[in-house]
Amino acid sequence: MSRRGGMMSESLKAEIAKELGVYNIVENEGWGSVSSRDCGNIVKKAIEMAERNLSNR
C-alpha cells in the first residue's frame, strides 16, 4: 500500500534528485526504481535544507 500526498513536493524531490544525480532513474523508470539508499539520501538532504531554513529565520 502506498502513501498518497507525502510531505515533500514533487518539485523539491526532483530538485534534490537532480543534485544527487539520480533524476535520470526517476525520469526513465519512476520513483519506485530509486534505491533505498538514494531515497534516504534525498530525505537527508531535504532535512538539512529544512534545518538550514529554520536556523536562518
Protein backbone atom coordinates (compact mmCIF):
# COMPACT_ATOMS: atom_id res chain seq x y z
CA MET A 1 0.00 0.00 0.00
CA SER A 2 1.47 3.35 -0.97
CA ARG A 3 1.02 6.65 0.81
CA ARG A 4 -0.64 9.45 -1.06
CA GLY A 5 0.21 13.10 -0.56
CA GLY A 6 3.66 12.86 1.02
CA MET A 7 5.33 15.63 2.95
CA MET A 8 7.71 16.71 0.17
CA SER A 9 6.52 18.33 -3.03
CA GLU A 10 7.33 16.60 -6.29
CA SER A 11 9.35 19.62 -7.40
CA LEU A 12 11.52 19.51 -4.27
CA LYS A 13 12.11 15.77 -4.66
CA ALA A 14 13.04 16.28 -8.31
CA GLU A 15 15.41 19.15 -7.45
CA ILE A 16 17.22 17.08 -4.84
CA ALA A 17 17.31 14.01 -7.10
CA LYS A 18 18.98 16.15 -9.78
CA GLU A 19 21.55 17.40 -7.25
CA LEU A 20 22.32 13.83 -6.21
CA GLY A 21 22.48 12.54 -9.78
CA VAL A 22 19.58 10.09 -9.59
CA TYR A 23 16.94 12.03 -11.51
CA ASN A 24 17.65 10.06 -14.69
CA ILE A 25 16.34 6.95 -12.91
CA VAL A 26 13.17 8.82 -11.92
CA GLU A 27 12.63 10.03 -15.49
CA ASN A 28 13.21 6.64 -17.07
CA GLU A 29 11.72 4.24 -14.53
CA GLY A 30 9.83 6.25 -11.89
CA TRP A 31 10.34 6.78 -8.18
CA GLY A 32 9.81 3.09 -7.44
CA SER A 33 13.11 2.25 -9.10
CA VAL A 34 15.20 4.60 -6.97
CA SER A 35 17.26 2.62 -4.46
CA SER A 36 16.54 2.79 -0.75
CA ARG A 37 19.96 4.33 -0.19
CA ASP A 38 19.27 7.09 -2.70
CA CYS A 39 15.81 7.72 -1.22
CA GLY A 40 17.44 8.01 2.19
CA ASN A 41 19.94 10.50 0.80
CA ILE A 42 17.10 12.54 -0.69
CA VAL A 43 15.35 12.65 2.69
CA LYS A 44 18.60 13.51 4.46
CA LYS A 45 19.23 16.39 2.05
CA ALA A 46 15.65 17.67 2.50
CA ILE A 47 16.06 17.62 6.29
CA GLU A 48 19.35 19.53 6.02
CA MET A 49 17.66 22.13 3.81
CA ALA A 50 14.76 22.50 6.28
CA GLU A 51 17.11 22.83 9.25
CA ARG A 52 19.14 25.47 7.41
CA ASN A 53 15.95 27.33 6.56
CA LEU A 54 14.82 27.29 10.20
CA SER A 55 18.17 28.49 11.51
CA ASN A 56 18.16 31.43 9.06
CA ARG A 57 14.91 32.81 10.47
